[in-house]
Protein backbone atom coordinates (compact mmCIF):
# COMPACT_ATOMS: atom_id res chain seq x y z
CA UNK A 1 0.00 0.00 0.00
CA UNK A 2 1.38 3.39 -1.00
CA UNK A 3 0.98 6.21 1.51
CA UNK A 4 2.27 9.71 1.99
CA UNK A 5 4.72 8.73 4.72
CA UNK A 6 5.38 12.35 5.63
CA UNK A 7 1.69 13.03 6.41
CA UNK A 8 1.39 9.84 8.47
CA UNK A 9 4.57 10.73 10.39
CA UNK A 10 3.12 14.16 11.29
CA UNK A 11 -0.11 12.54 12.53
CA UNK A 12 1.85 10.10 14.72
CA UNK A 13 4.20 12.86 15.94
CA UNK A 14 1.47 15.28 17.06
CA UNK A 15 1.30 15.60 20.82
CA UNK A 16 0.00 18.10 23.37
CA UNK A 17 2.88 20.35 24.46
CA UNK A 18 2.47 22.81 27.32
CA UNK A 19 5.95 24.35 27.67
CA UNK A 20 7.35 26.83 25.18
CA UNK A 21 10.59 28.68 24.56
CA UNK A 22 10.64 32.45 24.01
CA UNK A 23 11.32 32.14 20.26
CA UNK A 24 8.84 34.08 18.10
CA UNK A 25 6.51 32.62 15.49
CA UNK A 26 6.41 34.39 12.12
CA UNK A 27 3.32 35.79 10.42
CA UNK A 28 3.98 33.35 7.56
CA UNK A 29 3.86 30.42 9.97
CA UNK A 30 0.59 31.68 11.43
CA UNK A 31 -0.90 32.07 7.96
CA UNK A 32 0.15 28.51 7.06
CA UNK A 33 -1.51 27.24 10.24
CA UNK A 34 -4.72 29.18 9.54
CA UNK A 35 -4.81 28.01 5.93
CA UNK A 36 -4.56 24.43 7.19
CA UNK A 37 -7.52 25.07 9.51
CA UNK A 38 -9.58 26.37 6.60
CA UNK A 39 -8.70 23.30 4.51
CA UNK A 40 -10.72 21.09 6.89
CA UNK A 41 -13.81 19.22 5.73
CA UNK A 42 -17.12 20.92 6.42
CA UNK A 43 -20.68 19.56 6.32
CA UNK A 44 -22.39 20.92 3.21
CA UNK A 45 -19.25 23.12 2.82
CA UNK A 46 -20.73 25.69 5.22
CA UNK A 47 -17.33 26.43 6.82
CA UNK A 48 -18.69 27.89 10.08
CA UNK A 49 -15.22 28.37 11.56
CA UNK A 50 -13.94 31.73 12.65
CA UNK A 51 -10.40 32.14 13.97
CA UNK A 52 -9.19 34.75 16.43
CA UNK A 53 -5.41 35.16 16.49
CA UNK A 54 -4.02 36.46 19.77
CA UNK A 55 -0.46 37.82 19.84
CA UNK A 56 -0.81 40.49 22.53
CA UNK A 57 1.30 39.47 25.53
CA UNK A 58 -1.07 40.96 28.11
CA UNK A 59 -4.10 39.21 26.60
CA UNK A 60 -2.28 35.86 26.54
CA UNK A 61 -1.15 36.31 30.15
CA UNK A 62 -4.55 37.46 31.40
CA UNK A 63 -6.46 34.67 29.64
CA UNK A 64 -3.90 32.17 30.94
CA UNK A 65 -4.57 33.35 34.48
CA UNK A 66 -8.34 33.01 34.14
CA UNK A 67 -8.78 29.87 32.03
CA UNK A 68 -8.36 26.86 34.34
CA UNK A 69 -6.55 24.58 31.87
CA UNK A 70 -4.74 27.15 29.73
CA UNK A 71 -2.02 28.38 32.10
CA UNK A 72 0.54 27.72 29.35
CA UNK A 73 -0.79 30.78 27.48
CA UNK A 74 1.62 32.75 29.66
CA UNK A 75 4.51 31.02 27.83
CA UNK A 76 2.95 30.85 24.36
CA UNK A 77 3.99 33.27 21.63
CA UNK A 78 0.49 33.23 20.11
CA UNK A 79 -2.86 31.52 20.34
CA UNK A 80 -5.72 30.76 18.01
CA UNK A 81 -9.26 30.73 19.34
CA UNK A 82 -11.32 28.42 17.14
CA UNK A 83 -14.95 29.53 17.05
CA UNK A 84 -18.11 28.56 15.23
CA UNK A 85 -20.54 30.97 13.62
CA UNK A 86 -24.01 29.53 14.16
CA UNK A 87 -25.48 31.95 11.62
CA UNK A 88 -23.69 30.44 8.62
CA UNK A 89 -26.84 28.56 7.64
CA UNK A 90 -30.55 29.17 8.08
CA UNK A 91 -31.01 25.41 8.32
CA UNK A 92 -31.14 24.58 12.06
CA UNK A 93 -29.77 21.06 11.50
CA UNK A 94 -26.77 22.40 9.60
CA UNK A 95 -26.14 25.00 12.32
CA UNK A 96 -25.53 22.10 14.72
CA UNK A 97 -22.57 20.90 12.62
CA UNK A 98 -20.35 23.78 13.75
CA UNK A 99 -18.81 21.61 16.50
CA UNK A 100 -17.74 18.85 14.10
CA UNK A 101 -16.53 21.31 11.46
CA UNK A 102 -14.55 23.40 13.95
CA UNK A 103 -13.13 20.26 15.54
CA UNK A 104 -11.85 19.14 12.13
CA UNK A 105 -10.35 22.61 11.60
CA UNK A 106 -8.73 22.42 15.05
CA UNK A 107 -7.09 19.09 14.26
CA UNK A 108 -5.77 20.48 10.97
CA UNK A 109 -4.34 23.43 12.94
CA UNK A 110 -2.65 21.07 15.40
CA UNK A 111 -1.18 18.99 12.57
CA UNK A 112 0.10 22.12 10.82
CA UNK A 113 1.69 23.28 14.09
CA UNK A 114 3.48 19.93 14.35
CA UNK A 115 4.58 19.97 10.71
CA UNK A 116 6.22 23.39 11.24
CA UNK A 117 8.21 22.15 14.24
CA UNK A 118 6.05 24.16 16.63
CA UNK A 119 4.16 23.11 19.74
CA UNK A 120 0.57 23.54 20.84
CA UNK A 121 -2.46 21.85 22.26
CA UNK A 122 -6.25 22.02 22.37
CA UNK A 123 -7.61 23.68 25.51
CA UNK A 124 -11.36 23.20 25.79
CA UNK A 125 -13.66 26.21 26.08
CA UNK A 126 -17.04 24.92 24.83
CA UNK A 127 -19.35 23.70 26.44
CA UNK A 128 -18.13 25.26 29.71
CA UNK A 129 -20.08 28.50 30.24
CA UNK A 130 -17.47 29.96 32.63
CA UNK A 131 -14.65 29.41 30.11
CA UNK A 132 -16.76 30.71 27.24
CA UNK A 133 -17.42 33.95 29.16
CA UNK A 134 -13.70 34.47 29.74
CA UNK A 135 -12.88 34.07 26.05
CA UNK A 136 -15.86 36.22 25.03
CA UNK A 137 -14.64 38.96 27.38
CA UNK A 138 -11.07 39.09 26.04
CA UNK A 139 -11.97 38.57 22.38
CA UNK A 140 -15.15 40.68 22.30
CA UNK A 141 -17.05 37.91 20.52
CA UNK A 142 -20.56 38.61 19.17
CA UNK A 143 -23.49 36.39 20.26
CA UNK A 144 -23.59 34.30 17.08
CA UNK A 145 -19.94 33.23 17.51
CA UNK A 146 -19.24 30.37 19.94
CA UNK A 147 -15.66 29.69 21.11
CA UNK A 148 -14.79 25.99 20.89
CA UNK A 149 -11.18 26.01 22.08
CA UNK A 150 -8.01 28.01 22.54
CA UNK A 151 -4.86 26.63 20.93
CA UNK A 152 -1.66 28.08 22.45
CA UNK A 153 1.27 28.03 19.98
CA UNK A 154 5.00 28.33 20.50
CA UNK A 155 8.31 26.66 19.94
CA UNK A 156 8.72 23.66 22.26
CA UNK A 157 10.91 24.29 25.30
CA UNK A 158 12.42 20.80 24.91
CA UNK A 159 12.07 17.68 22.81
CA UNK A 160 8.90 15.68 23.36
CA UNK A 161 7.90 12.18 22.40
CA UNK A 162 4.29 11.49 21.48
CA UNK A 163 2.33 8.82 23.33
CA UNK A 164 1.60 5.61 21.49
CA UNK A 165 -2.19 5.47 21.64
CA UNK A 166 -2.61 2.39 19.43
CA UNK A 167 -5.07 0.03 21.13
CA UNK A 168 -6.47 -2.80 18.98
CA UNK A 169 -9.06 -3.62 21.70
CA UNK A 170 -10.90 -0.46 20.68
CA UNK A 171 -11.48 -1.77 17.15
CA UNK A 172 -14.63 -3.74 16.35
CA UNK A 173 -15.03 -5.17 12.89
CA UNK A 174 -18.60 -5.08 11.59
CA UNK A 175 -20.19 -5.87 14.95
CA UNK A 176 -19.61 -5.98 18.69
């Protein structure tokens, strides 16, 4: 079987990294990461994702202080808040797909971060009302935009090895 070994290697290499060096990320790197997010699949091609890029040191520090599982924002060079716009479709059923679509975009972002030799992780915001309010406050998000997660980004402070999550017991072929 022929595969793109490089893509598979990036998928296997991706890991959640919480410690960053003080090296800066370029605007070109951020654009590459955002383009990867927008290349994600989307139900009915609605593309409900909206991305907020945070580079302001004070905002990163303040959000890191308030978000319970995002303390690493105080070390991150940047962050991307992945949000869903529930007004991208008048169809109520399609509006519900924003979580899946934005999750796919988030994974693409995480894979792009890894492919660029950077570090990051998914910190959950939705469905926690307290976390959502914090992000809404700092990012001045309108009512139709729902924050799904905050992805801190930086250069890794040290080398990390990904966890091997392969578990054949979680595979069921055709039936239980």
